[in-house]
Amino acid sequence: MSLFYIGVGCAHFISPEIFLFIMPPYLPFHLELVYISGFFEILLGVLLLIKRYRFFAGCGLIILLILVFPANVYLYNSDIARDAYGQVSQVDSLIRMFFQLPLIIIAYWHTQENNSKQISYIYICISVITILYFGYILF
């Protein structure tokens, strides 16, 4: 998950237009918000690698995922955003919206010091499915 967030965070700086397409019009400073969210994705992704900071990284990711959720709602509701994003269907954007929940669950998992092996396996499966899904739609 760390590499996932670092990669997506870097994408905010390499190709910010991808993220500008899904910025709700009511939010100001679109480009700045794209860069800020990218910075935090990179930072929190790195902090996931450090056991001492993993709890804070997980909490930060939960907050970040909640804060960026309006972009997913806008993508779902806006034909213009979906067309600009690359002919994404409304169904695809709905699925993307619901993938925020597994991402939040995985971030929560990272906040836990001791998980049973069975629970960890479940979270790893959720992680792999989520990474494959977002890897598919982003690239």
Protein backbone atom coordinates (compact mmCIF):
# COMPACT_ATOMS: atom_id res chain seq x y z
CA MET A 1 0.00 0.00 0.00
CA SER A 2 2.92 2.28 0.67
CA LEU A 3 4.10 2.01 -2.93
CA PHE A 4 0.53 2.51 -4.14
CA TYR A 5 0.19 5.84 -2.29
CA ILE A 6 3.67 6.99 -3.23
CA GLY A 7 2.98 6.15 -6.89
CA VAL A 8 -0.39 7.88 -6.97
CA GLY A 9 1.07 10.84 -5.07
CA CYS A 10 3.85 11.18 -7.66
CA ALA A 11 1.22 11.05 -10.41
CA HIS A 12 -0.29 14.22 -8.90
CA PHE A 13 2.93 16.04 -9.79
CA ILE A 14 3.75 14.27 -13.07
CA SER A 15 0.24 14.46 -14.59
CA PRO A 16 -1.86 16.85 -12.50
CA GLU A 17 -4.39 17.23 -15.32
CA ILE A 18 -5.67 13.72 -14.58
CA PHE A 19 -6.74 14.91 -11.15
CA LEU A 20 -7.86 18.38 -12.25
CA PHE A 21 -10.60 16.78 -14.36
CA ILE A 22 -12.32 15.44 -11.27
CA MET A 23 -12.03 18.51 -9.04
CA PRO A 24 -15.49 19.73 -8.06
CA PRO A 25 -16.04 23.27 -9.38
CA TYR A 26 -17.08 24.57 -5.96
CA LEU A 27 -13.57 23.99 -4.58
CA PRO A 28 -11.04 26.79 -5.06
CA PHE A 29 -7.36 26.42 -5.99
CA HIS A 30 -7.70 23.21 -7.99
CA LEU A 31 -4.05 22.81 -8.96
CA GLU A 32 -2.86 23.63 -5.47
CA LEU A 33 -5.22 21.06 -3.96
CA VAL A 34 -3.98 18.43 -6.41
CA TYR A 35 -0.39 19.13 -5.37
CA ILE A 36 -1.27 19.20 -1.66
CA SER A 37 -3.12 15.88 -1.83
CA GLY A 38 -0.25 14.38 -3.84
CA PHE A 39 2.26 15.57 -1.26
CA PHE A 40 0.29 13.97 1.55
CA GLU A 41 -0.15 10.72 -0.37
CA ILE A 42 3.63 10.51 -0.80
CA LEU A 43 4.34 11.52 2.80
CA LEU A 44 1.81 9.13 4.30
CA GLY A 45 2.91 6.35 1.95
CA VAL A 46 6.49 6.75 3.18
CA LEU A 47 5.35 6.87 6.81
CA LEU A 48 3.54 3.55 6.34
CA LEU A 49 6.98 1.98 5.94
CA ILE A 50 8.15 3.19 9.34
CA LYS A 51 6.62 1.14 12.14
CA ARG A 52 6.83 4.02 14.63
CA TYR A 53 4.69 6.25 12.37
CA ARG A 54 2.38 3.65 10.84
CA PHE A 55 -0.51 4.49 13.19
CA PHE A 56 -0.33 8.19 12.28
CA ALA A 57 0.03 7.37 8.58
CA GLY A 58 -3.08 5.17 8.71
CA CYS A 59 -5.08 7.88 10.48
CA GLY A 60 -3.81 10.47 8.01
CA LEU A 61 -4.80 8.30 5.08
CA ILE A 62 -8.30 7.84 6.48
CA ILE A 63 -8.66 11.62 6.73
CA LEU A 64 -7.18 12.13 3.26
CA LEU A 65 -9.48 9.54 1.70
CA ILE A 66 -12.50 11.24 3.25
CA LEU A 67 -11.31 14.66 2.05
CA VAL A 68 -10.81 13.52 -1.56
CA PHE A 69 -14.15 11.69 -1.69
CA PRO A 70 -15.98 14.71 -3.19
CA ALA A 71 -13.81 14.32 -6.31
CA ASN A 72 -15.16 10.79 -6.74
CA VAL A 73 -18.72 12.01 -6.25
CA TYR A 74 -18.13 14.76 -8.82
CA LEU A 75 -16.73 12.22 -11.28
CA TYR A 76 -19.85 10.12 -10.80
CA ASN A 77 -22.24 13.06 -11.26
CA SER A 78 -20.49 14.92 -14.08
CA ASP A 79 -20.61 13.82 -17.72
CA ILE A 80 -17.98 16.46 -18.48
CA ALA A 81 -15.57 15.10 -15.85
CA ARG A 82 -16.08 11.50 -17.00
CA ASP A 83 -15.48 12.42 -20.66
CA ALA A 84 -12.40 14.48 -19.80
CA TYR A 85 -11.07 11.69 -17.60
CA GLY A 86 -11.06 9.34 -20.56
CA GLN A 87 -14.57 8.20 -21.37
CA VAL A 88 -15.18 6.73 -17.92
CA SER A 89 -18.69 5.40 -17.59
CA GLN A 90 -20.95 6.32 -14.72
CA VAL A 91 -20.85 2.69 -13.57
CA ASP A 92 -17.02 2.79 -13.54
CA SER A 93 -17.08 5.97 -11.49
CA LEU A 94 -19.59 4.42 -9.09
CA ILE A 95 -17.30 1.42 -8.60
CA ARG A 96 -14.38 3.80 -8.07
CA MET A 97 -16.42 5.65 -5.44
CA PHE A 98 -17.13 2.44 -3.53
CA PHE A 99 -13.44 1.47 -3.62
CA GLN A 100 -12.82 4.30 -1.17
CA LEU A 101 -14.29 2.12 1.58
CA PRO A 102 -11.73 -0.71 1.14
CA LEU A 103 -8.98 1.92 1.05
CA ILE A 104 -10.23 3.32 4.36
CA ILE A 105 -10.46 -0.20 5.83
CA ILE A 106 -6.89 -0.93 4.73
CA ALA A 107 -5.69 2.37 6.21
CA TYR A 108 -7.42 1.43 9.47
CA TRP A 109 -5.67 -1.95 9.37
CA HIS A 110 -2.34 -0.10 9.26
CA THR A 111 -3.25 1.69 12.50
CA GLN A 112 -3.56 -1.61 14.36
CA GLU A 113 -0.52 -2.83 16.23
CA ASN A 114 -1.53 -6.48 16.50
CA ASN A 115 -3.77 -8.16 13.96
CA SER A 116 -4.45 -11.85 13.77
CA LYS A 117 -2.99 -13.65 10.77
CA GLN A 118 -6.46 -14.39 9.39
CA ILE A 119 -7.46 -10.73 9.52
CA SER A 120 -4.13 -9.73 7.97
CA TYR A 121 -4.69 -12.15 5.08
CA ILE A 122 -8.12 -10.67 4.46
CA TYR A 123 -6.69 -7.13 4.42
CA ILE A 124 -3.88 -8.21 2.10
CA CYS A 125 -6.45 -9.67 -0.32
CA ILE A 126 -8.46 -6.45 -0.17
CA SER A 127 -5.24 -4.51 -0.78
CA VAL A 128 -4.27 -6.54 -3.83
CA ILE A 129 -7.73 -6.27 -5.38
CA THR A 130 -7.81 -2.51 -4.72
CA ILE A 131 -4.33 -1.92 -6.12
CA LEU A 132 -5.12 -3.96 -9.23
CA TYR A 133 -8.36 -2.05 -9.75
CA PHE A 134 -6.77 1.39 -9.44
CA GLY A 135 -3.74 0.30 -11.44
CA TYR A 136 -6.10 -0.80 -14.21
CA ILE A 137 -8.11 2.42 -14.30
CA LEU A 138 -5.11 4.76 -13.93
CA PHE A 139 -2.87 3.11 -16.47
